[in-house]
């Protein structure tokens, strides 16, 4: 309705008078709407219960209770910590040393994918869109790096990017 209130062309296109959109926008002014998702809703409900609302948490399997699928879907869109993901090391066999081409091993990719819900894949040595995209991005990293960027250069060699 906000779009209808502020865009007469859009209002005409959808067939809603701008006055109706303005009325809705005025009614919503100052209201706070819930946002966040499954975990935010659970946290908010626990706070209300602690404050004495009289509500009760639903048990698994009850109608309206979150299912296992709901939790899986929520985990895919959850915001991750800003620390850059899980700790990966050369010593545990999760990363290759720069002398061997840098990058993650299969074990490291699996750990990262489990921890973040990502879908990292192995290097693509033959030509293809993934390889082209990686080579372009990583070349930019090397170009704009403040220092020598040895890991980036090693990964470019491992992916067999042109000129490395």
N, C-alpha and C. Protein backbone atom coordinates (compact mmCIF):
# COMPACT_ATOMS: atom_id res chain seq x y z
N UNK A 1 0.82 -1.20 0.00
CA UNK A 1 0.00 0.00 0.00
C UNK A 1 0.85 1.25 0.00
N UNK A 2 2.06 1.13 0.52
CA UNK A 2 2.98 2.27 0.52
C UNK A 2 3.27 2.70 -0.91
N UNK A 3 3.44 1.72 -1.81
CA UNK A 3 3.71 2.03 -3.21
C UNK A 3 2.51 2.71 -3.86
N UNK A 4 1.32 2.27 -3.52
CA UNK A 4 0.10 2.87 -4.07
C UNK A 4 -0.03 4.31 -3.58
N UNK A 5 0.33 4.55 -2.31
CA UNK A 5 0.19 5.88 -1.73
C UNK A 5 1.14 6.88 -2.40
N UNK A 6 2.31 6.43 -2.82
CA UNK A 6 3.32 7.36 -3.31
C UNK A 6 3.56 7.31 -4.82
N UNK A 7 2.87 6.43 -5.52
CA UNK A 7 3.08 6.32 -6.96
C UNK A 7 1.74 6.22 -7.69
N UNK A 8 1.25 7.35 -8.20
CA UNK A 8 -0.03 7.33 -8.92
C UNK A 8 -0.03 6.38 -10.12
N UNK A 9 1.12 6.25 -10.79
CA UNK A 9 1.18 5.36 -11.96
C UNK A 9 1.00 3.90 -11.52
N UNK A 10 1.64 3.53 -10.41
CA UNK A 10 1.48 2.17 -9.90
C UNK A 10 0.05 1.95 -9.42
N UNK A 11 -0.52 2.95 -8.75
CA UNK A 11 -1.90 2.84 -8.26
C UNK A 11 -2.86 2.59 -9.42
N UNK A 12 -2.66 3.30 -10.51
CA UNK A 12 -3.51 3.15 -11.69
C UNK A 12 -3.34 1.75 -12.28
N UNK A 13 -2.07 1.27 -12.31
CA UNK A 13 -1.77 -0.03 -12.89
C UNK A 13 -2.47 -1.16 -12.12
N UNK A 14 -2.46 -1.09 -10.78
CA UNK A 14 -3.06 -2.15 -9.97
C UNK A 14 -4.54 -1.91 -9.70
N UNK A 15 -5.02 -0.72 -10.05
CA UNK A 15 -6.45 -0.45 -9.92
C UNK A 15 -6.89 -0.08 -8.51
N UNK A 16 -6.01 0.49 -7.71
CA UNK A 16 -6.35 0.91 -6.35
C UNK A 16 -6.18 2.42 -6.29
N UNK A 17 -7.19 3.15 -5.82
CA UNK A 17 -7.05 4.60 -5.73
C UNK A 17 -5.93 4.99 -4.75
N UNK A 18 -5.20 6.08 -5.07
CA UNK A 18 -4.11 6.51 -4.19
C UNK A 18 -4.62 6.89 -2.82
N UNK A 19 -5.85 7.35 -2.72
CA UNK A 19 -6.40 7.73 -1.40
C UNK A 19 -6.48 6.52 -0.47
N UNK A 20 -6.80 5.34 -1.03
CA UNK A 20 -6.86 4.12 -0.22
C UNK A 20 -5.46 3.77 0.28
N UNK A 21 -4.46 3.87 -0.61
CA UNK A 21 -3.09 3.60 -0.21
C UNK A 21 -2.62 4.55 0.88
N UNK A 22 -3.00 5.83 0.76
CA UNK A 22 -2.61 6.82 1.77
C UNK A 22 -3.27 6.51 3.11
N UNK A 23 -4.53 6.07 3.07
CA UNK A 23 -5.21 5.71 4.33
C UNK A 23 -4.51 4.55 5.02
N UNK A 24 -4.14 3.53 4.25
CA UNK A 24 -3.43 2.38 4.83
C UNK A 24 -2.07 2.80 5.38
N UNK A 25 -1.34 3.62 4.62
CA UNK A 25 -0.02 4.06 5.06
C UNK A 25 -0.13 4.87 6.35
N UNK A 26 -1.17 5.72 6.45
CA UNK A 26 -1.36 6.51 7.66
C UNK A 26 -1.70 5.62 8.85
N UNK A 27 -2.49 4.58 8.63
CA UNK A 27 -2.86 3.66 9.71
C UNK A 27 -1.64 2.88 10.21
N UNK A 28 -0.69 2.60 9.32
CA UNK A 28 0.50 1.83 9.70
C UNK A 28 1.58 2.69 10.35
N UNK A 29 1.47 3.99 10.23
CA UNK A 29 2.52 4.87 10.74
C UNK A 29 2.70 4.68 12.25
N UNK A 30 3.93 4.48 12.66
CA UNK A 30 4.23 4.34 14.09
C UNK A 30 4.10 2.92 14.62
N UNK A 31 3.53 2.01 13.83
CA UNK A 31 3.40 0.62 14.28
C UNK A 31 4.72 -0.10 14.10
N UNK A 32 4.99 -1.04 14.98
CA UNK A 32 6.17 -1.88 14.84
C UNK A 32 5.71 -3.27 14.42
N UNK A 33 6.27 -3.75 13.34
CA UNK A 33 5.91 -5.07 12.84
C UNK A 33 6.99 -6.07 13.20
N UNK A 34 6.56 -7.30 13.47
CA UNK A 34 7.51 -8.35 13.82
C UNK A 34 8.37 -8.71 12.63
N UNK A 35 9.61 -9.00 12.91
CA UNK A 35 10.49 -9.49 11.87
C UNK A 35 11.51 -10.39 12.52
N UNK A 36 12.23 -11.13 11.75
CA UNK A 36 13.29 -11.94 12.33
C UNK A 36 13.22 -13.37 11.86
N UNK A 37 12.15 -14.06 12.09
CA UNK A 37 12.05 -15.44 11.68
C UNK A 37 11.75 -16.35 12.85
N UNK A 38 11.97 -17.63 12.62
CA UNK A 38 11.60 -18.66 13.59
C UNK A 38 12.26 -18.46 14.95
N UNK A 39 13.58 -18.32 14.97
CA UNK A 39 14.29 -18.20 16.25
C UNK A 39 13.93 -16.91 16.97
N UNK A 40 13.72 -15.83 16.21
CA UNK A 40 13.32 -14.56 16.82
C UNK A 40 11.94 -14.70 17.46
N UNK A 41 11.04 -15.42 16.79
CA UNK A 41 9.70 -15.64 17.34
C UNK A 41 9.75 -16.50 18.61
N UNK A 42 10.58 -17.53 18.59
CA UNK A 42 10.72 -18.38 19.78
C UNK A 42 11.27 -17.57 20.94
N UNK A 43 12.29 -16.76 20.68
CA UNK A 43 12.89 -15.93 21.72
C UNK A 43 11.86 -14.94 22.29
N UNK A 44 11.10 -14.31 21.39
CA UNK A 44 10.09 -13.34 21.83
C UNK A 44 9.02 -14.02 22.69
N UNK A 45 8.60 -15.23 22.30
CA UNK A 45 7.58 -15.94 23.07
C UNK A 45 8.11 -16.31 24.45
N UNK A 46 9.37 -16.76 24.52
CA UNK A 46 9.97 -17.09 25.83
C UNK A 46 10.02 -15.87 26.73
N UNK A 47 10.33 -14.71 26.15
CA UNK A 47 10.34 -13.48 26.94
C UNK A 47 8.94 -13.14 27.45
N UNK A 48 7.93 -13.31 26.59
CA UNK A 48 6.55 -13.03 27.03
C UNK A 48 6.14 -13.98 28.14
N UNK A 49 6.51 -15.26 28.03
CA UNK A 49 6.19 -16.25 29.06
C UNK A 49 6.87 -15.88 30.37
N UNK A 50 8.14 -15.48 30.30
CA UNK A 50 8.88 -15.09 31.50
C UNK A 50 8.26 -13.86 32.15
N UNK A 51 7.66 -12.99 31.33
CA UNK A 51 7.02 -11.79 31.86
C UNK A 51 5.63 -12.08 32.42
N UNK A 52 5.16 -13.33 32.30
CA UNK A 52 3.87 -13.71 32.88
C UNK A 52 2.69 -13.61 31.96
N UNK A 53 2.87 -13.85 30.68
CA UNK A 53 1.76 -13.74 29.72
C UNK A 53 0.76 -14.87 29.85
N UNK A 54 1.17 -15.99 30.45
CA UNK A 54 0.27 -17.14 30.56
C UNK A 54 0.32 -18.06 29.36
N UNK A 55 1.09 -17.71 28.35
CA UNK A 55 1.23 -18.58 27.18
C UNK A 55 2.08 -19.79 27.54
N UNK A 56 2.00 -20.82 26.71
CA UNK A 56 2.84 -22.00 26.89
C UNK A 56 3.49 -22.34 25.55
N UNK A 57 4.70 -22.86 25.63
CA UNK A 57 5.37 -23.31 24.41
C UNK A 57 4.69 -24.58 23.92
N UNK A 58 4.53 -24.71 22.61
CA UNK A 58 3.96 -25.92 22.04
C UNK A 58 4.99 -27.04 22.07
N UNK A 59 4.53 -28.25 22.25
CA UNK A 59 5.41 -29.41 22.21
C UNK A 59 5.61 -29.84 20.77
N UNK A 60 6.73 -30.48 20.47
CA UNK A 60 6.93 -30.98 19.11
C UNK A 60 5.79 -31.92 18.71
N UNK A 61 5.27 -31.71 17.52
CA UNK A 61 4.17 -32.54 17.02
C UNK A 61 2.80 -31.91 17.24
N UNK A 62 2.68 -30.93 18.14
CA UNK A 62 1.41 -30.25 18.34
C UNK A 62 1.06 -29.43 17.10
N UNK A 63 -0.23 -29.24 16.83
CA UNK A 63 -0.61 -28.38 15.70
C UNK A 63 -0.06 -26.97 15.90
N UNK A 64 0.56 -26.43 14.88
CA UNK A 64 1.10 -25.07 14.96
C UNK A 64 2.52 -25.00 15.48
N UNK A 65 3.05 -26.11 16.01
CA UNK A 65 4.44 -26.12 16.50
C UNK A 65 5.38 -26.23 15.30
N UNK A 66 6.56 -25.62 15.40
CA UNK A 66 7.52 -25.73 14.29
C UNK A 66 7.94 -27.18 14.08
N UNK A 67 8.06 -27.56 12.83
CA UNK A 67 8.48 -28.92 12.49
C UNK A 67 9.99 -28.95 12.28
N UNK A 68 10.53 -30.15 12.13
CA UNK A 68 11.96 -30.29 11.86
C UNK A 68 12.31 -29.59 10.55
N UNK A 69 11.41 -29.66 9.57
CA UNK A 69 11.63 -28.99 8.29
C UNK A 69 11.69 -27.47 8.47
N UNK A 70 10.87 -26.92 9.36
CA UNK A 70 10.90 -25.48 9.64
C UNK A 70 12.27 -25.07 10.18
N UNK A 71 12.82 -25.88 11.09
CA UNK A 71 14.12 -25.56 11.66
C UNK A 71 15.22 -25.66 10.61
N UNK A 72 15.13 -26.65 9.72
CA UNK A 72 16.13 -26.79 8.65
C UNK A 72 16.07 -25.58 7.72
N UNK A 73 14.86 -25.17 7.35
CA UNK A 73 14.70 -24.02 6.47
C UNK A 73 15.21 -22.75 7.14
N UNK A 74 14.96 -22.61 8.43
CA UNK A 74 15.41 -21.43 9.16
C UNK A 74 16.93 -21.39 9.25
N UNK A 75 17.56 -22.54 9.41
CA UNK A 75 19.02 -22.59 9.51
C UNK A 75 19.68 -22.14 8.21
N UNK A 76 19.02 -22.36 7.08
CA UNK A 76 19.58 -21.96 5.80
C UNK A 76 19.63 -20.45 5.65
N UNK A 77 18.70 -19.74 6.27
CA UNK A 77 18.64 -18.29 6.13
C UNK A 77 19.14 -17.56 7.36
N UNK A 78 19.61 -18.30 8.35
CA UNK A 78 20.09 -17.66 9.58
C UNK A 78 21.32 -16.82 9.29
N UNK A 79 21.44 -15.71 10.00
CA UNK A 79 22.62 -14.87 9.84
C UNK A 79 23.75 -15.48 10.64
N UNK A 80 24.88 -15.57 10.02
CA UNK A 80 26.04 -16.17 10.67
C UNK A 80 26.89 -15.10 11.32
N UNK A 81 27.72 -15.52 12.25
CA UNK A 81 28.60 -14.59 12.94
C UNK A 81 29.52 -13.92 11.95
N UNK A 82 29.97 -12.74 12.30
CA UNK A 82 30.82 -11.95 11.41
C UNK A 82 32.28 -12.42 11.43
N UNK A 83 32.58 -13.50 12.18
CA UNK A 83 33.97 -13.93 12.31
C UNK A 83 34.49 -14.66 11.07
N UNK A 84 33.68 -14.82 10.03
CA UNK A 84 34.15 -15.42 8.79
C UNK A 84 33.95 -16.91 8.71
N UNK A 85 33.21 -17.50 9.59
CA UNK A 85 32.92 -18.93 9.49
C UNK A 85 33.78 -19.77 10.41
N UNK A 86 33.80 -21.06 10.16
CA UNK A 86 34.52 -21.98 11.04
C UNK A 86 36.03 -21.82 10.92
N UNK A 87 36.73 -22.26 11.92
CA UNK A 87 38.19 -22.20 11.92
C UNK A 87 38.73 -23.38 11.11
N UNK A 88 39.47 -23.08 10.07
CA UNK A 88 40.06 -24.11 9.21
C UNK A 88 41.57 -24.01 9.31
N UNK A 89 42.25 -25.15 9.37
CA UNK A 89 43.71 -25.10 9.49
C UNK A 89 44.39 -26.08 8.54
N UNK A 90 45.64 -25.78 8.23
CA UNK A 90 46.46 -26.65 7.40
C UNK A 90 46.79 -27.92 8.19
N UNK A 91 47.09 -27.75 9.48
CA UNK A 91 47.49 -28.88 10.33
C UNK A 91 46.44 -29.98 10.44
N UNK A 92 45.17 -29.62 10.42
CA UNK A 92 44.09 -30.61 10.52
C UNK A 92 43.70 -31.15 9.15
N UNK A 93 44.37 -30.68 8.11
CA UNK A 93 44.08 -31.18 6.76
C UNK A 93 42.86 -30.54 6.13
N UNK A 94 42.48 -29.37 6.61
CA UNK A 94 41.30 -28.69 6.06
C UNK A 94 41.66 -27.68 4.98
N UNK A 95 42.92 -27.22 4.99
CA UNK A 95 43.42 -26.31 3.97
C UNK A 95 44.74 -26.85 3.45
N UNK A 96 45.06 -26.52 2.22
CA UNK A 96 46.36 -26.89 1.67
C UNK A 96 47.35 -25.75 1.94
N UNK A 97 48.61 -26.09 2.18
CA UNK A 97 49.60 -25.01 2.31
C UNK A 97 49.81 -24.34 0.95
N UNK A 98 50.36 -23.13 0.98
CA UNK A 98 50.56 -22.40 -0.29
C UNK A 98 51.47 -23.16 -1.24
N UNK A 99 52.39 -23.95 -0.71
CA UNK A 99 53.29 -24.70 -1.58
C UNK A 99 52.54 -25.75 -2.40
N UNK A 100 51.36 -26.16 -1.92
CA UNK A 100 50.57 -27.17 -2.63
C UNK A 100 49.37 -26.57 -3.35
N UNK A 101 49.31 -25.25 -3.44
CA UNK A 101 48.24 -24.62 -4.20
C UNK A 101 47.16 -23.95 -3.38
N UNK A 102 47.33 -23.88 -2.05
CA UNK A 102 46.36 -23.23 -1.18
C UNK A 102 44.96 -23.83 -1.36
N UNK A 103 43.94 -23.15 -0.97
CA UNK A 103 42.58 -23.63 -1.11
C UNK A 103 42.20 -24.66 -0.06
N UNK A 104 40.94 -25.05 -0.08
CA UNK A 104 40.41 -26.01 0.88
C UNK A 104 40.50 -27.43 0.33
N UNK A 105 40.65 -28.37 1.24
CA UNK A 105 40.59 -29.78 0.87
C UNK A 105 39.13 -30.21 0.92
N UNK A 106 38.85 -31.44 0.53
CA UNK A 106 37.48 -31.96 0.60
C UNK A 106 36.99 -31.91 2.05
N UNK A 107 37.87 -32.23 2.99
CA UNK A 107 37.51 -32.20 4.42
C UNK A 107 37.16 -30.77 4.85
N UNK A 108 37.94 -29.80 4.40
CA UNK A 108 37.69 -28.40 4.75
C UNK A 108 36.40 -27.88 4.14
N UNK A 109 36.13 -28.25 2.87
CA UNK A 109 34.88 -27.84 2.23
C UNK A 109 33.69 -28.43 2.96
N UNK A 110 33.79 -29.70 3.34
CA UNK A 110 32.68 -30.36 4.06
C UNK A 110 32.43 -29.67 5.40
N UNK A 111 33.50 -29.33 6.12
CA UNK A 111 33.35 -28.65 7.41
C UNK A 111 32.70 -27.28 7.23
N UNK A 112 33.16 -26.53 6.24
CA UNK A 112 32.61 -25.20 5.98
C UNK A 112 31.14 -25.30 5.58
N UNK A 113 30.82 -26.23 4.70
CA UNK A 113 29.43 -26.41 4.26
C UNK A 113 28.51 -26.78 5.42
N UNK A 114 28.97 -27.67 6.30
CA UNK A 114 28.17 -28.05 7.48
C UNK A 114 27.93 -26.86 8.39
N UNK A 115 28.97 -26.09 8.62
CA UNK A 115 28.89 -24.99 9.59
C UNK A 115 28.08 -23.80 9.07
N UNK A 116 28.10 -23.55 7.78
CA UNK A 116 27.47 -22.34 7.25
C UNK A 116 26.27 -22.59 6.35
N UNK A 117 26.04 -23.84 5.96
CA UNK A 117 24.94 -24.11 5.03
C UNK A 117 25.31 -23.77 3.59
N UNK A 118 26.59 -23.51 3.34
CA UNK A 118 27.05 -23.18 1.99
C UNK A 118 27.13 -24.44 1.13
N UNK A 119 27.55 -24.29 -0.11
CA UNK A 119 27.70 -25.43 -1.00
C UNK A 119 28.99 -25.27 -1.80
N UNK A 120 30.12 -25.20 -1.09
CA UNK A 120 31.41 -25.06 -1.77
C UNK A 120 31.72 -26.32 -2.55
N UNK A 121 32.33 -26.14 -3.71
CA UNK A 121 32.67 -27.27 -4.56
C UNK A 121 34.17 -27.27 -4.83
N UNK A 122 34.69 -28.40 -5.31
CA UNK A 122 36.11 -28.54 -5.63
C UNK A 122 36.47 -27.65 -6.81
N UNK A 123 37.76 -27.33 -6.98
CA UNK A 123 38.17 -26.53 -8.13
C UNK A 123 37.74 -27.16 -9.45
N UNK A 124 37.49 -26.32 -10.43
CA UNK A 124 37.05 -26.78 -11.75
C UNK A 124 38.21 -26.55 -12.73
N UNK A 125 39.10 -27.54 -12.89
CA UNK A 125 40.29 -27.32 -13.72
C UNK A 125 39.97 -27.10 -15.19
N UNK A 126 38.95 -27.74 -15.74
CA UNK A 126 38.59 -27.52 -17.13
C UNK A 126 37.80 -26.22 -17.22
N UNK A 127 37.72 -25.65 -18.42
CA UNK A 127 36.99 -24.39 -18.60
C UNK A 127 35.53 -24.53 -18.25
N UNK A 128 34.93 -23.45 -17.85
CA UNK A 128 33.52 -23.42 -17.51
C UNK A 128 33.20 -22.12 -16.80
N UNK A 129 31.93 -21.84 -16.61
CA UNK A 129 31.55 -20.57 -16.00
C UNK A 129 32.05 -20.41 -14.56
N UNK A 130 32.06 -21.50 -13.79
CA UNK A 130 32.56 -21.40 -12.41
C UNK A 130 34.03 -21.04 -12.39
N UNK A 131 34.79 -21.69 -13.26
CA UNK A 131 36.23 -21.42 -13.33
C UNK A 131 36.48 -19.99 -13.78
N UNK A 132 35.81 -19.54 -14.81
CA UNK A 132 35.98 -18.18 -15.32
C UNK A 132 35.65 -17.15 -14.25
N UNK A 133 34.56 -17.37 -13.53
CA UNK A 133 34.15 -16.45 -12.47
C UNK A 133 35.18 -16.42 -11.36
N UNK A 134 35.65 -17.60 -10.93
CA UNK A 134 36.65 -17.67 -9.87
C UNK A 134 37.93 -16.96 -10.28
N UNK A 135 38.41 -17.24 -11.49
CA UNK A 135 39.66 -16.64 -11.95
C UNK A 135 39.54 -15.11 -12.00
N UNK A 136 38.41 -14.61 -12.46
CA UNK A 136 38.22 -13.16 -12.53
C UNK A 136 38.21 -12.55 -11.13
N UNK A 137 37.47 -13.18 -10.21
CA UNK A 137 37.39 -12.65 -8.84
C UNK A 137 38.75 -12.68 -8.15
N UNK A 138 39.42 -13.83 -8.23
CA UNK A 138 40.69 -13.99 -7.51
C UNK A 138 41.78 -13.13 -8.12
N UNK A 139 41.76 -12.91 -9.44
CA UNK A 139 42.73 -12.01 -10.06
C UNK A 139 42.56 -10.59 -9.51
N UNK A 140 41.31 -10.20 -9.28
CA UNK A 140 41.04 -8.89 -8.67
C UNK A 140 41.57 -8.82 -7.25
N UNK A 141 41.49 -9.92 -6.51
CA UNK A 141 42.01 -9.97 -5.15
C UNK A 141 43.52 -9.74 -5.18
N UNK A 142 44.20 -10.42 -6.08
CA UNK A 142 45.66 -10.28 -6.18
C UNK A 142 46.02 -8.86 -6.61
N UNK A 143 45.28 -8.33 -7.59
CA UNK A 143 45.54 -6.99 -8.10
C UNK A 143 45.41 -5.92 -7.03
N UNK A 144 44.39 -6.04 -6.19
CA UNK A 144 44.09 -5.00 -5.21
C UNK A 144 44.61 -5.31 -3.81
N UNK A 145 45.37 -6.37 -3.64
CA UNK A 145 45.90 -6.74 -2.33
C UNK A 145 46.96 -5.73 -1.89
N UNK A 146 47.00 -5.47 -0.58
CA UNK A 146 48.01 -4.55 -0.05
C UNK A 146 49.38 -5.21 -0.06
N UNK A 147 49.41 -6.52 0.18
CA UNK A 147 50.68 -7.23 0.22
C UNK A 147 50.87 -8.12 -0.99
N UNK A 148 51.55 -9.23 -0.79
CA UNK A 148 51.90 -10.14 -1.87
C UNK A 148 50.76 -11.09 -2.25
N UNK A 149 49.84 -11.41 -1.34
CA UNK A 149 48.71 -12.32 -1.56
C UNK A 149 49.14 -13.70 -2.04
N UNK A 150 50.03 -14.38 -1.29
CA UNK A 150 50.53 -15.68 -1.77
C UNK A 150 49.46 -16.76 -1.87
N UNK A 151 48.49 -16.78 -0.95
CA UNK A 151 47.45 -17.81 -1.01
C UNK A 151 46.56 -17.61 -2.23
N UNK A 152 46.25 -16.36 -2.54
CA UNK A 152 45.42 -16.07 -3.71
C UNK A 152 46.14 -16.49 -4.99
N UNK A 153 47.43 -16.19 -5.08
CA UNK A 153 48.21 -16.58 -6.26
C UNK A 153 48.29 -18.10 -6.39
N UNK A 154 48.47 -18.77 -5.25
CA UNK A 154 48.56 -20.23 -5.27
C UNK A 154 47.24 -20.85 -5.71
N UNK A 155 46.14 -20.28 -5.26
CA UNK A 155 44.84 -20.83 -5.67
C UNK A 155 44.59 -20.59 -7.16
N UNK A 156 45.07 -19.47 -7.68
CA UNK A 156 44.94 -19.23 -9.12
C UNK A 156 45.73 -20.28 -9.91
N UNK A 157 46.92 -20.64 -9.41
CA UNK A 157 47.70 -21.70 -10.07
C UNK A 157 46.98 -23.03 -9.99
N UNK A 158 46.40 -23.34 -8.82
CA UNK A 158 45.71 -24.61 -8.62
C UNK A 158 44.49 -24.73 -9.55
N UNK A 159 43.79 -23.63 -9.78
CA UNK A 159 42.63 -23.64 -10.65
C UNK A 159 43.06 -23.56 -12.13
N UNK A 160 44.36 -23.45 -12.36
CA UNK A 160 44.90 -23.36 -13.72
C UNK A 160 44.33 -22.17 -14.48
N UNK A 161 44.29 -21.02 -13.80
CA UNK A 161 43.82 -19.79 -14.45
C UNK A 161 44.91 -19.28 -15.39
N UNK A 162 44.49 -18.66 -16.49
CA UNK A 162 45.44 -18.18 -17.51
C UNK A 162 46.38 -17.16 -16.90
N UNK A 163 47.67 -17.29 -17.19
CA UNK A 163 48.66 -16.34 -16.72
C UNK A 163 49.21 -16.63 -15.34
N UNK A 164 48.81 -17.73 -14.71
CA UNK A 164 49.30 -18.05 -13.36
C UNK A 164 49.96 -19.39 -13.42
